[in-house]
PDB file of N, CA and C in Angstrom:
ATOM      1  N   MET A   1      48.288 -59.313  50.534  1.00  0.00           N
ATOM      2  CA  MET A   1      47.621 -59.111  49.259  1.00  0.00           C
ATOM      3  C   MET A   1      48.648 -59.208  48.136  1.00  0.00           C
ATOM      4  N   ALA A   2      48.389 -60.051  47.176  1.00  0.00           N
ATOM      5  CA  ALA A   2      49.303 -60.249  46.049  1.00  0.00           C
ATOM      6  C   ALA A   2      48.976 -59.269  44.927  1.00  0.00           C
ATOM      7  N   ILE A   3      50.001 -58.856  44.234  1.00  0.00           N
ATOM      8  CA  ILE A   3      49.836 -57.938  43.106  1.00  0.00           C
ATOM      9  C   ILE A   3      49.647 -58.752  41.833  1.00  0.00           C
ATOM     10  N   ASP A   4      48.605 -58.454  41.100  1.00  0.00           N
ATOM     11  CA  ASP A   4      48.351 -59.124  39.825  1.00  0.00           C
ATOM     12  C   ASP A   4      49.198 -58.462  38.749  1.00  0.00           C
ATOM     13  N   ARG A   5      50.287 -59.082  38.383  1.00  0.00           N
ATOM     14  CA  ARG A   5      51.218 -58.501  37.408  1.00  0.00           C
ATOM     15  C   ARG A   5      50.792 -58.761  35.963  1.00  0.00           C
ATOM     16  N   ASN A   6      49.763 -59.568  35.777  1.00  0.00           N
ATOM     17  CA  ASN A   6      49.279 -59.861  34.428  1.00  0.00           C
ATOM     18  C   ASN A   6      48.008 -59.088  34.088  1.00  0.00           C
ATOM     19  N   TYR A   7      47.662 -58.112  34.914  1.00  0.00           N
ATOM     20  CA  TYR A   7      46.443 -57.336  34.711  1.00  0.00           C
ATOM     21  C   TYR A   7      46.562 -56.477  33.457  1.00  0.00           C
ATOM     22  N   VAL A   8      45.525 -56.489  32.659  1.00  0.00           N
ATOM     23  CA  VAL A   8      45.444 -55.646  31.469  1.00  0.00           C
ATOM     24  C   VAL A   8      44.146 -54.855  31.575  1.00  0.00           C
ATOM     25  N   SER A   9      44.272 -53.545  31.543  1.00  0.00           N
ATOM     26  CA  SER A   9      43.086 -52.697  31.696  1.00  0.00           C
ATOM     27  C   SER A   9      42.209 -52.762  30.447  1.00  0.00           C
ATOM     28  N   GLU A  10      40.970 -52.331  30.613  1.00  0.00           N
ATOM     29  CA  GLU A  10      40.037 -52.288  29.485  1.00  0.00           C
ATOM     30  C   GLU A  10      40.564 -51.353  28.393  1.00  0.00           C
ATOM     31  N   MET A  11      41.168 -50.243  28.803  1.00  0.00           N
ATOM     32  CA  MET A  11      41.716 -49.291  27.829  1.00  0.00           C
ATOM     33  C   MET A  11      42.858 -49.925  27.037  1.00  0.00           C
ATOM     34  N   ASP A  12      43.738 -50.658  27.712  1.00  0.00           N
ATOM     35  CA  ASP A  12      44.835 -51.326  27.015  1.00  0.00           C
ATOM     36  C   ASP A  12      44.314 -52.369  26.028  1.00  0.00           C
ATOM     37  N   LYS A  13      43.269 -53.088  26.423  1.00  0.00           N
ATOM     38  CA  LYS A  13      42.659 -54.071  25.516  1.00  0.00           C
ATOM     39  C   LYS A  13      42.088 -53.375  24.290  1.00  0.00           C
ATOM     40  N   PHE A  14      41.383 -52.276  24.519  1.00  0.00           N
ATOM     41  CA  PHE A  14      40.796 -51.519  23.416  1.00  0.00           C
ATOM     42  C   PHE A  14      41.878 -51.013  22.469  1.00  0.00           C
ATOM     43  N   LEU A  15      42.938 -50.432  23.022  1.00  0.00           N
ATOM     44  CA  LEU A  15      44.003 -49.887  22.178  1.00  0.00           C
ATOM     45  C   LEU A  15      44.724 -50.978  21.398  1.00  0.00           C
ATOM     46  N   LYS A  16      44.904 -52.131  22.001  1.00  0.00           N
ATOM     47  CA  LYS A  16      45.547 -53.244  21.300  1.00  0.00           C
ATOM     48  C   LYS A  16      44.676 -53.703  20.128  1.00  0.00           C
ATOM     49  N   GLU A  17      43.377 -53.846  20.374  1.00  0.00           N
ATOM     50  CA  GLU A  17      42.454 -54.245  19.302  1.00  0.00           C
ATOM     51  C   GLU A  17      42.420 -53.189  18.198  1.00  0.00           C
ATOM     52  N   PHE A  18      42.376 -51.938  18.573  1.00  0.00           N
ATOM     53  CA  PHE A  18      42.348 -50.851  17.591  1.00  0.00           C
ATOM     54  C   PHE A  18      43.630 -50.833  16.765  1.00  0.00           C
ATOM     55  N   ASP A  19      44.752 -51.059  17.404  1.00  0.00           N
ATOM     56  CA  ASP A  19      46.043 -51.027  16.741  1.00  0.00           C
ATOM     57  C   ASP A  19      46.181 -52.140  15.710  1.00  0.00           C
ATOM     58  N   GLU A  20      45.479 -53.234  15.898  1.00  0.00           N
ATOM     59  CA  GLU A  20      45.563 -54.366  14.985  1.00  0.00           C
ATOM     60  C   GLU A  20      44.705 -54.191  13.732  1.00  0.00           C
ATOM     61  N   LYS A  21      43.816 -53.210  13.740  1.00  0.00           N
ATOM     62  CA  LYS A  21      42.960 -52.967  12.587  1.00  0.00           C
ATOM     63  C   LYS A  21      43.756 -52.236  11.508  1.00  0.00           C
ATOM     64  N   PRO A  22      43.618 -52.663  10.249  1.00  0.00           N
ATOM     65  CA  PRO A  22      44.382 -52.017   9.171  1.00  0.00           C
ATOM     66  C   PRO A  22      44.057 -50.537   8.982  1.00  0.00           C
ATOM     67  N   GLU A  23      42.823 -50.142   9.232  1.00  0.00           N
ATOM     68  CA  GLU A  23      42.445 -48.740   9.016  1.00  0.00           C
ATOM     69  C   GLU A  23      43.009 -47.804  10.081  1.00  0.00           C
ATOM     70  N   SER A  24      43.609 -48.359  11.132  1.00  0.00           N
ATOM     71  CA  SER A  24      44.182 -47.512  12.178  1.00  0.00           C
ATOM     72  C   SER A  24      45.543 -46.947  11.782  1.00  0.00           C
ATOM     73  N   HIS A  25      46.105 -47.426  10.679  1.00  0.00           N
ATOM     74  CA  HIS A  25      47.425 -46.977  10.251  1.00  0.00           C
ATOM     75  C   HIS A  25      47.294 -45.885   9.186  1.00  0.00           C
ATOM     76  N   SER A  26      47.448 -44.654   9.599  1.00  0.00           N
ATOM     77  CA  SER A  26      47.354 -43.539   8.676  1.00  0.00           C
ATOM     78  C   SER A  26      48.671 -43.402   7.901  1.00  0.00           C
ATOM     79  N   GLU A  27      48.651 -42.562   6.911  1.00  0.00           N
ATOM     80  CA  GLU A  27      49.850 -42.319   6.097  1.00  0.00           C
ATOM     81  C   GLU A  27      50.977 -41.754   6.953  1.00  0.00           C
ATOM     82  N   SER A  28      50.654 -40.833   7.838  1.00  0.00           N
ATOM     83  CA  SER A  28      51.688 -40.242   8.691  1.00  0.00           C
ATOM     84  C   SER A  28      52.241 -41.270   9.680  1.00  0.00           C
ATOM     85  N   ARG A  29      51.385 -42.162  10.143  1.00  0.00           N
ATOM     86  CA  ARG A  29      51.866 -43.209  11.059  1.00  0.00           C
ATOM     87  C   ARG A  29      52.804 -44.170  10.335  1.00  0.00           C
ATOM     88  N   ARG A  30      52.464 -44.527   9.103  1.00  0.00           N
ATOM     89  CA  ARG A  30      53.352 -45.407   8.323  1.00  0.00           C
ATOM     90  C   ARG A  30      54.699 -44.736   8.080  1.00  0.00           C
ATOM     91  N   ALA A  31      54.688 -43.449   7.790  1.00  0.00           N
ATOM     92  CA  ALA A  31      55.937 -42.715   7.575  1.00  0.00           C
ATOM     93  C   ALA A  31      56.767 -42.690   8.854  1.00  0.00           C
ATOM     94  N   GLU A  32      56.107 -42.494   9.977  1.00  0.00           N
ATOM     95  CA  GLU A  32      56.796 -42.489  11.277  1.00  0.00           C
ATOM     96  C   GLU A  32      57.409 -43.857  11.577  1.00  0.00           C
ATOM     97  N   GLU A  33      56.674 -44.926  11.284  1.00  0.00           N
ATOM     98  CA  GLU A  33      57.190 -46.278  11.508  1.00  0.00           C
ATOM     99  C   GLU A  33      58.413 -46.555  10.639  1.00  0.00           C
ATOM    100  N   GLU A  34      58.367 -46.131   9.383  1.00  0.00           N
ATOM    101  CA  GLU A  34      59.515 -46.319   8.485  1.00  0.00           C
ATOM    102  C   GLU A  34      60.731 -45.541   8.975  1.00  0.00           C
ATOM    103  N   LYS A  35      60.501 -44.332   9.441  1.00  0.00           N
ATOM    104  CA  LYS A  35      61.600 -43.507   9.958  1.00  0.00           C
ATOM    105  C   LYS A  35      62.286 -44.206  11.127  1.00  0.00           C
ATOM    106  N   TYR A  36      61.503 -44.738  12.042  1.00  0.00           N
ATOM    107  CA  TYR A  36      62.084 -45.369  13.213  1.00  0.00           C
ATOM    108  C   TYR A  36      62.691 -46.729  12.906  1.00  0.00           C
ATOM    109  N   LYS A  37      62.180 -47.424  11.875  1.00  0.00           N
ATOM    110  CA  LYS A  37      62.826 -48.666  11.447  1.00  0.00           C
ATOM    111  C   LYS A  37      64.258 -48.376  11.000  1.00  0.00           C
ATOM    112  N   LYS A  38      64.425 -47.296  10.234  1.00  0.00           N
ATOM    113  CA  LYS A  38      65.753 -46.920   9.756  1.00  0.00           C
ATOM    114  C   LYS A  38      66.653 -46.529  10.936  1.00  0.00           C
ATOM    115  N   ILE A  39      66.126 -45.745  11.854  1.00  0.00           N
ATOM    116  CA  ILE A  39      66.901 -45.317  13.024  1.00  0.00           C
ATOM    117  C   ILE A  39      67.328 -46.529  13.844  1.00  0.00           C
ATOM    118  N   HIS A  40      66.408 -47.459  14.089  1.00  0.00           N
ATOM    119  CA  HIS A  40      66.729 -48.648  14.882  1.00  0.00           C
ATOM    120  C   HIS A  40      67.729 -49.536  14.154  1.00  0.00           C
ATOM    121  N   ASP A  41      67.607 -49.634  12.842  1.00  0.00           N
ATOM    122  CA  ASP A  41      68.555 -50.425  12.067  1.00  0.00           C
ATOM    123  C   ASP A  41      69.963 -49.843  12.171  1.00  0.00           C
ATOM    124  N   LEU A  42      70.085 -48.548  12.030  1.00  0.00           N
ATOM    125  CA  LEU A  42      71.398 -47.908  12.134  1.00  0.00           C
ATOM    126  C   LEU A  42      71.960 -48.036  13.545  1.00  0.00           C
ATOM    127  N   ARG A  43      71.106 -47.996  14.543  1.00  0.00           N
ATOM    128  CA  ARG A  43      71.551 -48.114  15.930  1.00  0.00           C
ATOM    129  C   ARG A  43      71.982 -49.540  16.262  1.00  0.00           C
ATOM    130  N   ASP A  44      71.233 -50.536  15.783  1.00  0.00           N
ATOM    131  CA  ASP A  44      71.434 -51.912  16.210  1.00  0.00           C
ATOM    132  C   ASP A  44      72.405 -52.711  15.349  1.00  0.00           C
ATOM    133  N   ASN A  45      72.673 -52.274  14.155  1.00  0.00           N
ATOM    134  CA  ASN A  45      73.531 -53.029  13.253  1.00  0.00           C
ATOM    135  C   ASN A  45      74.768 -52.226  12.899  1.00  0.00           C
ATOM    136  N   GLN A  46      75.862 -52.939  12.702  1.00  0.00           N
ATOM    137  CA  GLN A  46      77.104 -52.279  12.321  1.00  0.00           C
ATOM    138  C   GLN A  46      77.271 -52.344  10.812  1.00  0.00           C
ATOM    139  N   TYR A  47      77.695 -51.255  10.249  1.00  0.00           N
ATOM    140  CA  TYR A  47      77.965 -51.173   8.830  1.00  0.00           C
ATOM    141  C   TYR A  47      79.409 -50.717   8.649  1.00  0.00           C
ATOM    142  N   PRO A  48      80.345 -51.677   8.526  1.00  0.00           N
ATOM    143  CA  PRO A  48      81.762 -51.321   8.485  1.00  0.00           C
ATOM    144  C   PRO A  48      82.163 -50.483   7.268  1.00  0.00           C
ATOM    145  N   GLU A  49      81.416 -50.564   6.187  1.00  0.00           N
ATOM    146  CA  GLU A  49      81.776 -49.789   4.997  1.00  0.00           C
ATOM    147  C   GLU A  49      81.564 -48.291   5.178  1.00  0.00           C
ATOM    148  N   ARG A  50      80.776 -47.920   6.182  1.00  0.00           N
ATOM    149  CA  ARG A  50      80.561 -46.498   6.454  1.00  0.00           C
ATOM    150  C   ARG A  50      81.749 -45.948   7.212  1.00  0.00           C
ATOM    151  N   GLN A  51      82.260 -44.846   6.754  1.00  0.00           N
ATOM    152  CA  GLN A  51      83.378 -44.211   7.433  1.00  0.00           C
ATOM    153  C   GLN A  51      82.836 -43.251   8.480  1.00  0.00           C
ATOM    154  N   LYS A  52      83.500 -43.251   9.600  1.00  0.00           N
ATOM    155  CA  LYS A  52      83.091 -42.327  10.646  1.00  0.00           C
ATOM    156  C   LYS A  52      83.653 -40.954  10.306  1.00  0.00           C
ATOM    157  N   SER A  53      82.811 -39.967  10.396  1.00  0.00           N
ATOM    158  CA  SER A  53      83.243 -38.619  10.084  1.00  0.00           C
ATOM    159  C   SER A  53      83.198 -37.775  11.352  1.00  0.00           C
ATOM    160  N   LYS A  54      83.972 -36.719  11.339  1.00  0.00           N
ATOM    161  CA  LYS A  54      83.956 -35.800  12.453  1.00  0.00           C
ATOM    162  C   LYS A  54      82.725 -34.901  12.361  1.00  0.00           C
ATOM    163  N   ILE A  55      82.164 -34.634  13.487  1.00  0.00           N
ATOM    164  CA  ILE A  55      81.034 -33.718  13.500  1.00  0.00           C
ATOM    165  C   ILE A  55      81.531 -32.288  13.258  1.00  0.00           C
ATOM    166  N   TRP A  56      82.643 -31.966  13.886  1.00  0.00           N
ATOM    167  CA  TRP A  56      83.196 -30.622  13.770  1.00  0.00           C
ATOM    168  C   TRP A  56      84.429 -30.640  12.888  1.00  0.00           C
ATOM    169  N   LYS A  57      84.553 -29.662  12.052  1.00  0.00           N
ATOM    170  CA  LYS A  57      85.741 -29.519  11.223  1.00  0.00           C
ATOM    171  C   LYS A  57      86.718 -28.597  11.925  1.00  0.00           C
ATOM    172  N   ASP A  58      87.999 -28.930  11.812  1.00  0.00           N
ATOM    173  CA  ASP A  58      89.026 -28.067  12.376  1.00  0.00           C
ATOM    174  C   ASP A  58      89.289 -26.912  11.412  1.00  0.00           C
ATOM    175  N   PHE A  59      89.247 -25.715  11.922  1.00  0.00           N
ATOM    176  CA  PHE A  59      89.488 -24.543  11.083  1.00  0.00           C
ATOM    177  C   PHE A  59      90.853 -23.985  11.331  1.00  0.00           C
TER     178      PHE A  59
END
């Protein structure tokens, strides 16, 4: 018996269609998306002008 690796459930189809509708994006969801865009940008791109700082200060 072969495994169908391209199977998409009815629920996944529904969620994909729902996600594509403009009214599915609430204000809090847009804020969350913007937050993660910034996080991913900082993670994936190098910014040499930023100086690395120590987390802990020596006392």
